[in-house]
């Protein structure tokens, strides 16, 4: 998860594990999980469901 679109774009070029992805959350500060707890939980649950 990135708040910077530039960082998110860069990170996308480094993914080598199937199922990996990058999230860009504009307008959110450094503590994404504290500022957007429901969104964070949803993202983790979706990931866990694929395991």
C-alpha atoms as a PDB file:
ATOM      1  CA  UNK A   1       0.000   0.000   0.000  1.00  0.00           C
ATOM      2  CA  UNK A   2       1.360   3.391  -0.998  1.00  0.00           C
ATOM      3  CA  UNK A   3       0.147   6.946  -0.620  1.00  0.00           C
ATOM      4  CA  UNK A   4       2.413   8.071  -3.463  1.00  0.00           C
ATOM      5  CA  UNK A   5       1.456   7.156  -7.021  1.00  0.00           C
ATOM      6  CA  UNK A   6       5.133   7.264  -8.029  1.00  0.00           C
ATOM      7  CA  UNK A   7       6.076   4.766  -5.330  1.00  0.00           C
ATOM      8  CA  UNK A   8       3.138   2.524  -6.248  1.00  0.00           C
ATOM      9  CA  UNK A   9       4.142   2.572  -9.910  1.00  0.00           C
ATOM     10  CA  UNK A  10       7.721   1.662  -9.001  1.00  0.00           C
ATOM     11  CA  UNK A  11       6.617  -1.125  -6.640  1.00  0.00           C
ATOM     12  CA  UNK A  12       4.513  -2.690  -9.411  1.00  0.00           C
ATOM     13  CA  UNK A  13       7.722  -3.336 -11.367  1.00  0.00           C
ATOM     14  CA  UNK A  14       9.163  -5.408  -8.498  1.00  0.00           C
ATOM     15  CA  UNK A  15       6.361  -7.955  -8.017  1.00  0.00           C
ATOM     16  CA  UNK A  16       7.532 -11.517  -8.601  1.00  0.00           C
ATOM     17  CA  UNK A  17       5.091 -13.537  -6.493  1.00  0.00           C
ATOM     18  CA  UNK A  18       1.828 -14.668  -8.067  1.00  0.00           C
ATOM     19  CA  UNK A  19      -1.115 -12.936  -6.447  1.00  0.00           C
ATOM     20  CA  UNK A  20       0.938  -9.933  -5.314  1.00  0.00           C
ATOM     21  CA  UNK A  21      -0.428  -6.506  -6.016  1.00  0.00           C
ATOM     22  CA  UNK A  22       0.114  -2.871  -5.166  1.00  0.00           C
ATOM     23  CA  UNK A  23      -2.534  -0.585  -3.700  1.00  0.00           C
ATOM     24  CA  UNK A  24      -2.417   3.198  -4.134  1.00  0.00           C
ATOM     25  CA  UNK A  25      -4.414   5.043  -1.479  1.00  0.00           C
ATOM     26  CA  UNK A  26      -4.280   8.739  -2.331  1.00  0.00           C
ATOM     27  CA  UNK A  27      -5.032  11.232   0.406  1.00  0.00           C
ATOM     28  CA  UNK A  28      -4.008   8.916   3.233  1.00  0.00           C
ATOM     29  CA  UNK A  29      -1.058   9.631   5.515  1.00  0.00           C
ATOM     30  CA  UNK A  30       1.786   7.431   6.733  1.00  0.00           C
ATOM     31  CA  UNK A  31      -0.385   5.301   9.043  1.00  0.00           C
ATOM     32  CA  UNK A  32      -2.782   3.872   6.476  1.00  0.00           C
ATOM     33  CA  UNK A  33      -4.022   1.112   8.787  1.00  0.00           C
ATOM     34  CA  UNK A  34      -4.979   3.642  11.475  1.00  0.00           C
ATOM     35  CA  UNK A  35      -6.582   6.148   9.120  1.00  0.00           C
ATOM     36  CA  UNK A  36      -8.467   3.539   7.082  1.00  0.00           C
ATOM     37  CA  UNK A  37      -8.968   0.538   9.408  1.00  0.00           C
ATOM     38  CA  UNK A  38     -11.994  -0.898   7.573  1.00  0.00           C
ATOM     39  CA  UNK A  39     -10.319  -0.641   4.195  1.00  0.00           C
ATOM     40  CA  UNK A  40      -7.165  -2.239   5.624  1.00  0.00           C
ATOM     41  CA  UNK A  41      -9.160  -5.082   7.158  1.00  0.00           C
ATOM     42  CA  UNK A  42     -10.990  -5.687   3.895  1.00  0.00           C
ATOM     43  CA  UNK A  43      -7.714  -5.841   1.977  1.00  0.00           C
ATOM     44  CA  UNK A  44      -6.196  -8.321   4.464  1.00  0.00           C
ATOM     45  CA  UNK A  45      -9.325 -10.489   4.470  1.00  0.00           C
ATOM     46  CA  UNK A  46      -9.339 -10.641   0.656  1.00  0.00           C
ATOM     47  CA  UNK A  47      -5.683 -11.645   0.726  1.00  0.00           C
ATOM     48  CA  UNK A  48      -6.252 -14.292   3.409  1.00  0.00           C
ATOM     49  CA  UNK A  49      -9.160 -15.765   1.455  1.00  0.00           C
ATOM     50  CA  UNK A  50      -6.817 -16.503  -1.449  1.00  0.00           C
ATOM     51  CA  UNK A  51      -4.418 -18.513   0.715  1.00  0.00           C
END
